[in-house]
């Protein structure tokens, strides 16, 4: 049984099933649990690949984007001050107005950042959207290429056609084999079998290890992990703890992807019920199984590996527990 249980008073109150795949850059599945062939949308886990054209096409060099700004282009951020300032900096360097952002407005995910906006009497804007870094980077790319800024988020725009080609490259699928839908922030999102997603991250990892342009993305994400997520976020804390050994990226609806560049290994996780709380627990335990984390790391990440269930009085009344059969992964 491969599940993350929510336990209260010693009783399993809820249960999340987990699927995971570890693959190498040839596409060989090293190990898997659950449903390795389940058709899965990358959602925001695709952002490292969506951001790669910023490096390959010369956008980073042309506008002088720094590493933290490149990391932000891969982010699903908390909307904290550094995230907002970073997105505005990207737009300013590219000479693009903030009102060109096509992502919708929502309050910052960070409770303190959202409260600060309320205290200042300001409403959240599109710049506070958790995908504003990705959108700012896309606008910068459209600006550099001389493509229309209007409609940059639509699938028939040259920018999204470029991104679609990038997804085809890393999945080794044709465009026709990649289902396309609309993501939460308005840009196209892409689907593939879970084992194909793991293999795509393995190829990306191998390219990063060879110091190809993918390496610039991975270095930015791991050196500036705060910009990828934010305060107390699993992705940020995991990459900080991994100290360059691994990169990870959250996707909506219970998805995580990532890789280990030095070993040309990639992995993908999916919780079919969409539970983010469960996929974050599974991520930490998977990284332990494939040798990224040891005992000290797991102790440091206890709040993500076995997070407590709290009540409104601030009391611990339960916990999340992973029950994943990762023996095959360990032995591999």
C-alpha atoms as a PDB file:
ATOM      1  CA  UNK A   1       0.000   0.000   0.000  1.00  0.00           C
ATOM      2  CA  UNK A   2       1.448   3.357  -1.057  1.00  0.00           C
ATOM      3  CA  UNK A   3      -0.346   6.039   0.882  1.00  0.00           C
ATOM      4  CA  UNK A   4       0.027   9.060   3.092  1.00  0.00           C
ATOM      5  CA  UNK A   5      -2.303   8.682   6.069  1.00  0.00           C
ATOM      6  CA  UNK A   6      -3.793  11.491   8.117  1.00  0.00           C
ATOM      7  CA  UNK A   7      -3.888  10.168  11.667  1.00  0.00           C
ATOM      8  CA  UNK A   8      -5.895  11.673  14.533  1.00  0.00           C
ATOM      9  CA  UNK A   9      -5.919  10.066  17.979  1.00  0.00           C
ATOM     10  CA  UNK A  10      -4.272   6.955  16.571  1.00  0.00           C
ATOM     11  CA  UNK A  11      -7.062   6.511  14.006  1.00  0.00           C
ATOM     12  CA  UNK A  12      -6.554   6.911  10.252  1.00  0.00           C
ATOM     13  CA  UNK A  13      -8.974   9.703   9.419  1.00  0.00           C
ATOM     14  CA  UNK A  14      -8.026  10.262   5.763  1.00  0.00           C
ATOM     15  CA  UNK A  15      -5.852   8.486   3.217  1.00  0.00           C
ATOM     16  CA  UNK A  16      -4.077   9.754   0.097  1.00  0.00           C
ATOM     17  CA  UNK A  17      -2.842   7.279  -2.518  1.00  0.00           C
ATOM     18  CA  UNK A  18       0.566   8.032  -4.053  1.00  0.00           C
ATOM     19  CA  UNK A  19       2.139   7.220  -7.407  1.00  0.00           C
ATOM     20  CA  UNK A  20       5.837   7.845  -8.071  1.00  0.00           C
ATOM     21  CA  UNK A  21       8.396   7.030 -10.731  1.00  0.00           C
ATOM     22  CA  UNK A  22      12.187   7.267 -10.764  1.00  0.00           C
ATOM     23  CA  UNK A  23      13.769   7.117 -14.234  1.00  0.00           C
ATOM     24  CA  UNK A  24      17.105   7.691 -15.936  1.00  0.00           C
ATOM     25  CA  UNK A  25      17.854   9.849 -18.962  1.00  0.00           C
ATOM     26  CA  UNK A  26      17.375   6.948 -21.378  1.00  0.00           C
ATOM     27  CA  UNK A  27      13.774   6.696 -20.233  1.00  0.00           C
ATOM     28  CA  UNK A  28      14.395   3.496 -18.278  1.00  0.00           C
ATOM     29  CA  UNK A  29      12.174   3.236 -15.215  1.00  0.00           C
ATOM     30  CA  UNK A  30      14.398   2.466 -12.239  1.00  0.00           C
ATOM     31  CA  UNK A  31      11.514   1.978  -9.829  1.00  0.00           C
ATOM     32  CA  UNK A  32       7.881   2.930  -9.418  1.00  0.00           C
ATOM     33  CA  UNK A  33       4.918   2.739  -7.062  1.00  0.00           C
ATOM     34  CA  UNK A  34       1.227   3.215  -7.716  1.00  0.00           C
ATOM     35  CA  UNK A  35       0.227   3.976 -11.312  1.00  0.00           C
ATOM     36  CA  UNK A  36       3.402   4.833 -13.281  1.00  0.00           C
ATOM     37  CA  UNK A  37       1.562   5.252 -16.593  1.00  0.00           C
ATOM     38  CA  UNK A  38      -1.151   7.574 -15.284  1.00  0.00           C
ATOM     39  CA  UNK A  39      -1.692  10.498 -17.645  1.00  0.00           C
ATOM     40  CA  UNK A  40      -0.719  13.532 -15.579  1.00  0.00           C
ATOM     41  CA  UNK A  41      -0.606  17.275 -16.143  1.00  0.00           C
ATOM     42  CA  UNK A  42       2.741  18.762 -15.212  1.00  0.00           C
ATOM     43  CA  UNK A  43       0.981  21.946 -14.150  1.00  0.00           C
ATOM     44  CA  UNK A  44       3.628  24.207 -12.565  1.00  0.00           C
ATOM     45  CA  UNK A  45       6.170  21.374 -12.376  1.00  0.00           C
ATOM     46  CA  UNK A  46       6.864  22.255 -16.036  1.00  0.00           C
ATOM     47  CA  UNK A  47       8.188  25.703 -15.146  1.00  0.00           C
ATOM     48  CA  UNK A  48      11.913  24.824 -15.340  1.00  0.00           C
ATOM     49  CA  UNK A  49      11.321  23.659 -18.917  1.00  0.00           C
ATOM     50  CA  UNK A  50       9.063  26.606 -19.710  1.00  0.00           C
ATOM     51  CA  UNK A  51      11.789  28.949 -18.455  1.00  0.00           C
ATOM     52  CA  UNK A  52      14.642  27.320 -20.375  1.00  0.00           C
ATOM     53  CA  UNK A  53      14.074  29.391 -23.559  1.00  0.00           C
ATOM     54  CA  UNK A  54      14.941  32.474 -21.494  1.00  0.00           C
ATOM     55  CA  UNK A  55      18.470  31.100 -21.338  1.00  0.00           C
ATOM     56  CA  UNK A  56      18.672  29.433 -24.738  1.00  0.00           C
ATOM     57  CA  UNK A  57      17.199  32.356 -26.693  1.00  0.00           C
ATOM     58  CA  UNK A  58      19.380  34.937 -24.941  1.00  0.00           C
ATOM     59  CA  UNK A  59      16.688  36.728 -22.930  1.00  0.00           C
ATOM     60  CA  UNK A  60      18.663  36.434 -19.680  1.00  0.00           C
ATOM     61  CA  UNK A  61      21.776  37.918 -21.295  1.00  0.00           C
ATOM     62  CA  UNK A  62      19.913  40.584 -23.281  1.00  0.00           C
ATOM     63  CA  UNK A  63      18.089  42.069 -20.293  1.00  0.00           C
ATOM     64  CA  UNK A  64      20.636  41.233 -17.609  1.00  0.00           C
ATOM     65  CA  UNK A  65      18.382  39.014 -15.516  1.00  0.00           C
ATOM     66  CA  UNK A  66      20.181  37.780 -12.434  1.00  0.00           C
ATOM     67  CA  UNK A  67      20.037  34.266 -10.980  1.00  0.00           C
ATOM     68  CA  UNK A  68      17.347  35.096  -8.435  1.00  0.00           C
ATOM     69  CA  UNK A  69      15.140  36.522 -11.178  1.00  0.00           C
ATOM     70  CA  UNK A  70      15.657  33.427 -13.315  1.00  0.00           C
ATOM     71  CA  UNK A  71      14.668  31.302 -10.306  1.00  0.00           C
ATOM     72  CA  UNK A  72      11.526  33.410  -9.963  1.00  0.00           C
ATOM     73  CA  UNK A  73      10.620  32.585 -13.571  1.00  0.00           C
ATOM     74  CA  UNK A  74      10.410  28.950 -12.373  1.00  0.00           C
ATOM     75  CA  UNK A  75       8.394  29.798  -9.271  1.00  0.00           C
ATOM     76  CA  UNK A  76       4.997  29.167  -7.767  1.00  0.00           C
ATOM     77  CA  UNK A  77       5.729  31.763  -5.130  1.00  0.00           C
ATOM     78  CA  UNK A  78       4.134  32.972  -1.918  1.00  0.00           C
ATOM     79  CA  UNK A  79       3.751  36.588  -3.040  1.00  0.00           C
ATOM     80  CA  UNK A  80       6.203  37.871  -0.436  1.00  0.00           C
ATOM     81  CA  UNK A  81       7.963  41.205  -0.929  1.00  0.00           C
ATOM     82  CA  UNK A  82      11.054  39.699  -2.582  1.00  0.00           C
ATOM     83  CA  UNK A  83       8.885  37.818  -5.063  1.00  0.00           C
ATOM     84  CA  UNK A  84       6.894  40.901  -6.016  1.00  0.00           C
ATOM     85  CA  UNK A  85      10.022  43.034  -6.273  1.00  0.00           C
ATOM     86  CA  UNK A  86      11.685  40.373  -8.433  1.00  0.00           C
ATOM     87  CA  UNK A  87       8.786  40.182 -10.878  1.00  0.00           C
ATOM     88  CA  UNK A  88       8.708  43.974 -11.162  1.00  0.00           C
ATOM     89  CA  UNK A  89      12.456  44.016 -11.756  1.00  0.00           C
ATOM     90  CA  UNK A  90      12.155  41.533 -14.648  1.00  0.00           C
ATOM     91  CA  UNK A  91       9.424  43.633 -16.259  1.00  0.00           C
ATOM     92  CA  UNK A  92      11.385  46.860 -15.762  1.00  0.00           C
ATOM     93  CA  UNK A  93      14.537  45.389 -17.321  1.00  0.00           C
ATOM     94  CA  UNK A  94      12.506  44.247 -20.320  1.00  0.00           C
ATOM     95  CA  UNK A  95      10.697  47.572 -20.597  1.00  0.00           C
ATOM     96  CA  UNK A  96       7.256  45.997 -20.179  1.00  0.00           C
ATOM     97  CA  UNK A  97       4.416  47.438 -18.125  1.00  0.00           C
ATOM     98  CA  UNK A  98       2.988  45.468 -15.205  1.00  0.00           C
ATOM     99  CA  UNK A  99      -0.500  45.758 -16.679  1.00  0.00           C
ATOM    100  CA  UNK A 100       0.616  43.457 -19.511  1.00  0.00           C
ATOM    101  CA  UNK A 101       0.592  40.480 -17.132  1.00  0.00           C
ATOM    102  CA  UNK A 102      -2.118  38.064 -18.245  1.00  0.00           C
ATOM    103  CA  UNK A 103      -2.289  36.082 -15.002  1.00  0.00           C
ATOM    104  CA  UNK A 104      -5.259  36.852 -12.760  1.00  0.00           C
ATOM    105  CA  UNK A 105      -4.993  38.703  -9.464  1.00  0.00           C
ATOM    106  CA  UNK A 106      -5.213  36.813  -6.191  1.00  0.00           C
ATOM    107  CA  UNK A 107      -4.045  37.518  -2.628  1.00  0.00           C
ATOM    108  CA  UNK A 108      -0.503  36.409  -1.816  1.00  0.00           C
ATOM    109  CA  UNK A 109      -0.339  32.821  -0.597  1.00  0.00           C
ATOM    110  CA  UNK A 110       1.755  34.100   2.308  1.00  0.00           C
ATOM    111  CA  UNK A 111      -0.646  34.972   5.145  1.00  0.00           C
ATOM    112  CA  UNK A 112       1.668  37.731   6.392  1.00  0.00           C
ATOM    113  CA  UNK A 113       2.055  39.244   2.924  1.00  0.00           C
ATOM    114  CA  UNK A 114      -1.719  39.126   2.395  1.00  0.00           C
ATOM    115  CA  UNK A 115      -2.296  40.759   5.787  1.00  0.00           C
ATOM    116  CA  UNK A 116       0.211  43.497   4.954  1.00  0.00           C
ATOM    117  CA  UNK A 117      -1.741  44.364   1.810  1.00  0.00           C
ATOM    118  CA  UNK A 118      -4.954  44.609   3.808  1.00  0.00           C
ATOM    119  CA  UNK A 119      -3.263  46.768   6.448  1.00  0.00           C
ATOM    120  CA  UNK A 120      -2.070  49.118   3.719  1.00  0.00           C
ATOM    121  CA  UNK A 121      -5.561  49.301   2.229  1.00  0.00           C
ATOM    122  CA  UNK A 122      -4.377  47.837  -1.079  1.00  0.00           C
ATOM    123  CA  UNK A 123      -5.977  45.145  -3.211  1.00  0.00           C
ATOM    124  CA  UNK A 124      -3.902  42.280  -4.630  1.00  0.00           C
ATOM    125  CA  UNK A 125      -2.840  42.665  -8.232  1.00  0.00           C
ATOM    126  CA  UNK A 126      -1.622  40.350 -10.933  1.00  0.00           C
ATOM    127  CA  UNK A 127       1.920  40.928  -9.688  1.00  0.00           C
ATOM    128  CA  UNK A 128       0.930  38.973  -6.534  1.00  0.00           C
ATOM    129  CA  UNK A 129      -0.154  35.937  -8.543  1.00  0.00           C
ATOM    130  CA  UNK A 130       2.010  32.946  -7.651  1.00  0.00           C
ATOM    131  CA  UNK A 131       2.938  32.654 -11.349  1.00  0.00           C
ATOM    132  CA  UNK A 132       3.855  36.315 -11.894  1.00  0.00           C
ATOM    133  CA  UNK A 133       7.551  35.443 -12.242  1.00  0.00           C
ATOM    134  CA  UNK A 134       6.838  32.996 -15.050  1.00  0.00           C
ATOM    135  CA  UNK A 135       4.599  35.522 -16.780  1.00  0.00           C
ATOM    136  CA  UNK A 136       7.168  38.306 -16.392  1.00  0.00           C
ATOM    137  CA  UNK A 137       9.777  36.056 -17.993  1.00  0.00           C
ATOM    138  CA  UNK A 138       7.435  35.189 -20.844  1.00  0.00           C
ATOM    139  CA  UNK A 139       6.730  38.862 -21.490  1.00  0.00           C
ATOM    140  CA  UNK A 140      10.473  39.533 -21.524  1.00  0.00           C
ATOM    141  CA  UNK A 141      10.930  36.780 -24.123  1.00  0.00           C
ATOM    142  CA  UNK A 142       8.124  38.163 -26.297  1.00  0.00           C
ATOM    143  CA  UNK A 143       9.668  41.618 -26.028  1.00  0.00           C
ATOM    144  CA  UNK A 144      13.121  40.412 -27.056  1.00  0.00           C
ATOM    145  CA  UNK A 145      11.825  38.477 -30.059  1.00  0.00           C
ATOM    146  CA  UNK A 146       9.570  41.329 -31.160  1.00  0.00           C
ATOM    147  CA  UNK A 147       6.509  39.132 -30.787  1.00  0.00           C
ATOM    148  CA  UNK A 148       3.157  40.732 -29.868  1.00  0.00           C
ATOM    149  CA  UNK A 149       2.699  41.208 -26.135  1.00  0.00           C
ATOM    150  CA  UNK A 150      -1.046  40.801 -26.492  1.00  0.00           C
ATOM    151  CA  UNK A 151      -2.123  37.193 -26.247  1.00  0.00           C
ATOM    152  CA  UNK A 152       1.323  35.924 -25.214  1.00  0.00           C
ATOM    153  CA  UNK A 153      -0.414  33.404 -22.956  1.00  0.00           C
ATOM    154  CA  UNK A 154      -2.425  31.732 -25.722  1.00  0.00           C
ATOM    155  CA  UNK A 155      -1.389  28.471 -27.372  1.00  0.00           C
ATOM    156  CA  UNK A 156      -1.270  29.900 -30.911  1.00  0.00           C
ATOM    157  CA  UNK A 157       1.142  32.694 -29.896  1.00  0.00           C
ATOM    158  CA  UNK A 158       4.758  32.175 -31.080  1.00  0.00           C
ATOM    159  CA  UNK A 159       5.948  32.162 -27.467  1.00  0.00           C
ATOM    160  CA  UNK A 160       3.706  29.281 -26.439  1.00  0.00           C
ATOM    161  CA  UNK A 161       4.553  27.443 -29.632  1.00  0.00           C
ATOM    162  CA  UNK A 162       8.203  27.749 -28.572  1.00  0.00           C
ATOM    163  CA  UNK A 163       7.357  26.351 -25.130  1.00  0.00           C
ATOM    164  CA  UNK A 164       5.356  23.496 -26.653  1.00  0.00           C
ATOM    165  CA  UNK A 165       8.424  22.534 -28.682  1.00  0.00           C
ATOM    166  CA  UNK A 166      10.467  22.574 -25.459  1.00  0.00           C
ATOM    167  CA  UNK A 167       8.033  20.170 -23.797  1.00  0.00           C
ATOM    168  CA  UNK A 168       8.232  17.907 -26.847  1.00  0.00           C
ATOM    169  CA  UNK A 169      12.029  17.958 -26.633  1.00  0.00           C
ATOM    170  CA  UNK A 170      12.240  16.796 -23.012  1.00  0.00           C
ATOM    171  CA  UNK A 171       9.384  14.281 -23.125  1.00  0.00           C
ATOM    172  CA  UNK A 172      10.502  12.925 -26.512  1.00  0.00           C
ATOM    173  CA  UNK A 173       6.858  13.006 -27.556  1.00  0.00           C
ATOM    174  CA  UNK A 174       5.455  14.706 -30.635  1.00  0.00           C
ATOM    175  CA  UNK A 175       3.206  17.691 -30.146  1.00  0.00           C
ATOM    176  CA  UNK A 176       0.241  15.545 -31.153  1.00  0.00           C
ATOM    177  CA  UNK A 177       1.077  13.128 -28.319  1.00  0.00           C
ATOM    178  CA  UNK A 178       1.054  15.858 -25.642  1.00  0.00           C
ATOM    179  CA  UNK A 179      -2.420  16.817 -24.385  1.00  0.00           C
ATOM    180  CA  UNK A 180      -2.728  20.576 -23.880  1.00  0.00           C
ATOM    181  CA  UNK A 181      -5.159  22.434 -21.620  1.00  0.00           C
ATOM    182  CA  UNK A 182      -5.245  25.803 -19.834  1.00  0.00           C
ATOM    183  CA  UNK A 183      -3.404  26.227 -16.530  1.00  0.00           C
ATOM    184  CA  UNK A 184      -4.650  28.148 -13.516  1.00  0.00           C
ATOM    185  CA  UNK A 185      -2.767  31.281 -14.556  1.00  0.00           C
ATOM    186  CA  UNK A 186      -4.003  31.205 -18.153  1.00  0.00           C
ATOM    187  CA  UNK A 187      -1.033  29.759 -20.050  1.00  0.00           C
ATOM    188  CA  UNK A 188      -1.088  26.315 -21.696  1.00  0.00           C
ATOM    189  CA  UNK A 189      -0.335  23.300 -19.516  1.00  0.00           C
ATOM    190  CA  UNK A 190       0.861  19.941 -20.768  1.00  0.00           C
ATOM    191  CA  UNK A 191       0.211  16.304 -19.872  1.00  0.00           C
ATOM    192  CA  UNK A 192       2.179  13.073 -20.240  1.00  0.00           C
ATOM    193  CA  UNK A 193       2.316   9.659 -18.556  1.00  0.00           C
ATOM    194  CA  UNK A 194       3.950   9.904 -15.146  1.00  0.00           C
ATOM    195  CA  UNK A 195       6.931   7.781 -16.208  1.00  0.00           C
ATOM    196  CA  UNK A 196       7.482  10.082 -19.192  1.00  0.00           C
ATOM    197  CA  UNK A 197       7.466  13.079 -16.850  1.00  0.00           C
ATOM    198  CA  UNK A 198      10.099  11.395 -14.669  1.00  0.00           C
ATOM    199  CA  UNK A 199      12.223  10.665 -17.747  1.00  0.00           C
ATOM    200  CA  UNK A 200      11.909  14.285 -18.902  1.00  0.00           C
ATOM    201  CA  UNK A 201      13.324  15.460 -15.585  1.00  0.00           C
ATOM    202  CA  UNK A 202      16.114  12.887 -15.892  1.00  0.00           C
ATOM    203  CA  UNK A 203      17.064  14.279 -19.328  1.00  0.00           C
ATOM    204  CA  UNK A 204      16.899  17.808 -17.944  1.00  0.00           C
ATOM    205  CA  UNK A 205      19.124  16.726 -15.037  1.00  0.00           C
ATOM    206  CA  UNK A 206      21.639  15.104 -17.380  1.00  0.00           C
ATOM    207  CA  UNK A 207      21.779  18.266 -19.504  1.00  0.00           C
ATOM    208  CA  UNK A 208      22.322  20.322 -16.367  1.00  0.00           C
ATOM    209  CA  UNK A 209      25.180  18.064 -15.274  1.00  0.00           C
ATOM    210  CA  UNK A 210      26.802  18.535 -18.705  1.00  0.00           C
ATOM    211  CA  UNK A 211      26.572  22.275 -18.043  1.00  0.00           C
ATOM    212  CA  UNK A 212      24.201  22.868 -20.929  1.00  0.00           C
ATOM    213  CA  UNK A 213      21.676  25.745 -20.570  1.00  0.00           C
ATOM    214  CA  UNK A 214      19.502  23.567 -18.312  1.00  0.00           C
ATOM    215  CA  UNK A 215      22.322  23.853 -15.777  1.00  0.00           C
ATOM    216  CA  UNK A 216      21.713  27.570 -15.516  1.00  0.00           C
ATOM    217  CA  UNK A 217      18.087  26.878 -14.587  1.00  0.00           C
ATOM    218  CA  UNK A 218      19.008  24.277 -11.979  1.00  0.00           C
ATOM    219  CA  UNK A 219      21.721  26.467 -10.443  1.00  0.00           C
ATOM    220  CA  UNK A 220      19.323  29.386 -10.188  1.00  0.00           C
ATOM    221  CA  UNK A 221      16.616  27.274  -8.542  1.00  0.00           C
ATOM    222  CA  UNK A 222      18.917  25.615  -6.032  1.00  0.00           C
ATOM    223  CA  UNK A 223      20.952  28.728  -5.175  1.00  0.00           C
ATOM    224  CA  UNK A 224      17.821  30.868  -4.785  1.00  0.00           C
ATOM    225  CA  UNK A 225      15.306  28.349  -3.509  1.00  0.00           C
ATOM    226  CA  UNK A 226      13.385  31.040  -1.627  1.00  0.00           C
ATOM    227  CA  UNK A 227      12.427  32.632  -4.933  1.00  0.00           C
ATOM    228  CA  UNK A 228      10.964  29.327  -6.178  1.00  0.00           C
ATOM    229  CA  UNK A 229       8.563  29.045  -3.228  1.00  0.00           C
ATOM    230  CA  UNK A 230       9.002  31.120  -0.113  1.00  0.00           C
ATOM    231  CA  UNK A 231       8.937  31.019   3.662  1.00  0.00           C
ATOM    232  CA  UNK A 232       8.283  27.535   5.105  1.00  0.00           C
ATOM    233  CA  UNK A 233       7.529  26.073   1.675  1.00  0.00           C
ATOM    234  CA  UNK A 234       8.471  22.428   1.130  1.00  0.00           C
ATOM    235  CA  UNK A 235      10.144  23.078  -2.228  1.00  0.00           C
ATOM    236  CA  UNK A 236      12.305  25.843  -0.766  1.00  0.00           C
ATOM    237  CA  UNK A 237      13.266  23.945   2.383  1.00  0.00           C
ATOM    238  CA  UNK A 238      13.960  20.721   0.479  1.00  0.00           C
ATOM    239  CA  UNK A 239      16.276  22.420  -2.037  1.00  0.00           C
ATOM    240  CA  UNK A 240      18.035  24.380   0.685  1.00  0.00           C
ATOM    241  CA  UNK A 241      18.650  21.170   2.604  1.00  0.00           C
ATOM    242  CA  UNK A 242      19.724  19.276  -0.514  1.00  0.00           C
ATOM    243  CA  UNK A 243      22.375  21.958  -1.110  1.00  0.00           C
ATOM    244  CA  UNK A 244      22.570  21.451  -4.861  1.00  0.00           C
ATOM    245  CA  UNK A 245      22.181  17.676  -4.854  1.00  0.00           C
ATOM    246  CA  UNK A 246      18.614  17.857  -6.178  1.00  0.00           C
ATOM    247  CA  UNK A 247      16.114  20.311  -7.596  1.00  0.00           C
ATOM    248  CA  UNK A 248      12.352  19.982  -7.183  1.00  0.00           C
ATOM    249  CA  UNK A 249       9.259  21.731  -8.488  1.00  0.00           C
ATOM    250  CA  UNK A 250       5.693  21.639  -7.209  1.00  0.00           C
ATOM    251  CA  UNK A 251       2.722  21.365  -9.554  1.00  0.00           C
ATOM    252  CA  UNK A 252      -0.938  21.888  -8.709  1.00  0.00           C
ATOM    253  CA  UNK A 253      -3.261  18.954  -8.022  1.00  0.00           C
ATOM    254  CA  UNK A 254      -0.747  16.842  -6.151  1.00  0.00           C
ATOM    255  CA  UNK A 255       2.229  16.849  -8.527  1.00  0.00           C
ATOM    256  CA  UNK A 256       5.982  17.098  -7.939  1.00  0.00           C
ATOM    257  CA  UNK A 257       8.870  16.683 -10.333  1.00  0.00           C
ATOM    258  CA  UNK A 258      12.614  17.023 -10.031  1.00  0.00           C
ATOM    259  CA  UNK A 259      15.972  15.450 -10.522  1.00  0.00           C
ATOM    260  CA  UNK A 260      19.475  14.623  -9.355  1.00  0.00           C
ATOM    261  CA  UNK A 261      21.862  16.080 -11.972  1.00  0.00           C
ATOM    262  CA  UNK A 262      24.976  14.203 -10.836  1.00  0.00           C
ATOM    263  CA  UNK A 263      23.226  10.875 -11.448  1.00  0.00           C
ATOM    264  CA  UNK A 264      21.101  11.850 -14.484  1.00  0.00           C
ATOM    265  CA  UNK A 265      18.032  10.704 -12.564  1.00  0.00           C
ATOM    266  CA  UNK A 266      14.574  12.250 -12.614  1.00  0.00           C
ATOM    267  CA  UNK A 267      11.437  11.593 -10.616  1.00  0.00           C
ATOM    268  CA  UNK A 268       7.766  12.447 -10.685  1.00  0.00           C
ATOM    269  CA  UNK A 269       5.042  12.088  -8.072  1.00  0.00           C
ATOM    270  CA  UNK A 270       1.279  12.308  -8.307  1.00  0.00           C
ATOM    271  CA  UNK A 271      -1.395  12.122  -5.627  1.00  0.00           C
ATOM    272  CA  UNK A 272      -4.549  11.285  -7.608  1.00  0.00           C
ATOM    273  CA  UNK A 273      -6.874  13.156  -5.258  1.00  0.00           C
ATOM    274  CA  UNK A 274      -4.811  16.319  -5.770  1.00  0.00           C
ATOM    275  CA  UNK A 275      -3.654  16.562  -2.165  1.00  0.00           C
ATOM    276  CA  UNK A 276      -0.684  18.896  -1.869  1.00  0.00           C
ATOM    277  CA  UNK A 277      -0.216  18.030   1.803  1.00  0.00           C
ATOM    278  CA  UNK A 278       0.340  14.404   0.838  1.00  0.00           C
ATOM    279  CA  UNK A 279       2.636  14.908  -2.153  1.00  0.00           C
ATOM    280  CA  UNK A 280       4.987  17.070  -0.079  1.00  0.00           C
ATOM    281  CA  UNK A 281       5.284  14.299   2.506  1.00  0.00           C
ATOM    282  CA  UNK A 282       5.879  11.760  -0.258  1.00  0.00           C
ATOM    283  CA  UNK A 283       8.542  13.964  -1.850  1.00  0.00           C
ATOM    284  CA  UNK A 284      10.708  14.043   1.267  1.00  0.00           C
ATOM    285  CA  UNK A 285      10.461  10.273   1.761  1.00  0.00           C
ATOM    286  CA  UNK A 286      11.240   9.629  -1.908  1.00  0.00           C
ATOM    287  CA  UNK A 287      14.372  11.761  -1.670  1.00  0.00           C
ATOM    288  CA  UNK A 288      15.410   9.715   1.357  1.00  0.00           C
ATOM    289  CA  UNK A 289      14.862   6.501  -0.592  1.00  0.00           C
ATOM    290  CA  UNK A 290      17.009   7.566  -3.545  1.00  0.00           C
ATOM    291  CA  UNK A 291      19.855   8.659  -1.310  1.00  0.00           C
ATOM    292  CA  UNK A 292      19.587  12.432  -1.329  1.00  0.00           C
ATOM    293  CA  UNK A 293      18.673  12.667   2.352  1.00  0.00           C
ATOM    294  CA  UNK A 294      20.032  10.911   5.440  1.00  0.00           C
ATOM    295  CA  UNK A 295      18.849  10.803   9.029  1.00  0.00           C
ATOM    296  CA  UNK A 296      19.968  14.332   9.860  1.00  0.00           C
ATOM    297  CA  UNK A 297      18.222  15.701   6.787  1.00  0.00           C
ATOM    298  CA  UNK A 298      14.994  13.912   7.661  1.00  0.00           C
ATOM    299  CA  UNK A 299      15.129  15.288  11.179  1.00  0.00           C
ATOM    300  CA  UNK A 300      15.643  18.791   9.809  1.00  0.00           C
ATOM    301  CA  UNK A 301      12.690  18.350   7.442  1.00  0.00           C
ATOM    302  CA  UNK A 302      10.412  16.669   9.989  1.00  0.00           C
ATOM    303  CA  UNK A 303       7.805  19.393   9.536  1.00  0.00           C
ATOM    304  CA  UNK A 304       7.435  18.367   5.894  1.00  0.00           C
ATOM    305  CA  UNK A 305       8.136  14.634   6.227  1.00  0.00           C
ATOM    306  CA  UNK A 306       5.652  14.077   9.054  1.00  0.00           C
ATOM    307  CA  UNK A 307       3.728  17.332   9.460  1.00  0.00           C
ATOM    308  CA  UNK A 308       1.483  17.734  12.485  1.00  0.00           C
ATOM    309  CA  UNK A 309      -2.269  18.235  12.329  1.00  0.00           C
ATOM    310  CA  UNK A 310      -3.177  21.302  14.377  1.00  0.00           C
ATOM    311  CA  UNK A 311      -6.463  22.485  15.807  1.00  0.00           C
ATOM    312  CA  UNK A 312      -7.600  26.104  16.214  1.00  0.00           C
ATOM    313  CA  UNK A 313      -6.091  26.218  19.719  1.00  0.00           C
ATOM    314  CA  UNK A 314      -2.638  25.587  18.303  1.00  0.00           C
ATOM    315  CA  UNK A 315      -2.556  22.067  19.714  1.00  0.00           C
ATOM    316  CA  UNK A 316      -1.076  19.089  17.886  1.00  0.00           C
ATOM    317  CA  UNK A 317      -3.936  16.616  17.441  1.00  0.00           C
ATOM    318  CA  UNK A 318      -2.536  14.317  14.779  1.00  0.00           C
ATOM    319  CA  UNK A 319       0.016  13.892  12.035  1.00  0.00           C
ATOM    320  CA  UNK A 320       0.579  12.823   8.441  1.00  0.00           C
ATOM    321  CA  UNK A 321       2.415   9.518   8.041  1.00  0.00           C
ATOM    322  CA  UNK A 322       3.902   8.117   4.843  1.00  0.00           C
ATOM    323  CA  UNK A 323       3.479   4.420   4.126  1.00  0.00           C
ATOM    324  CA  UNK A 324       5.327   4.009   0.854  1.00  0.00           C
ATOM    325  CA  UNK A 325       6.851   0.778  -0.445  1.00  0.00           C
ATOM    326  CA  UNK A 326      10.093   2.276  -1.663  1.00  0.00           C
ATOM    327  CA  UNK A 327      12.198  -0.877  -1.189  1.00  0.00           C
ATOM    328  CA  UNK A 328      12.690  -1.302  -4.926  1.00  0.00           C
ATOM    329  CA  UNK A 329      13.910   2.272  -5.194  1.00  0.00           C
ATOM    330  CA  UNK A 330      16.328   1.813  -2.306  1.00  0.00           C
ATOM    331  CA  UNK A 331      17.704  -1.401  -3.795  1.00  0.00           C
ATOM    332  CA  UNK A 332      18.073   0.189  -7.239  1.00  0.00           C
END
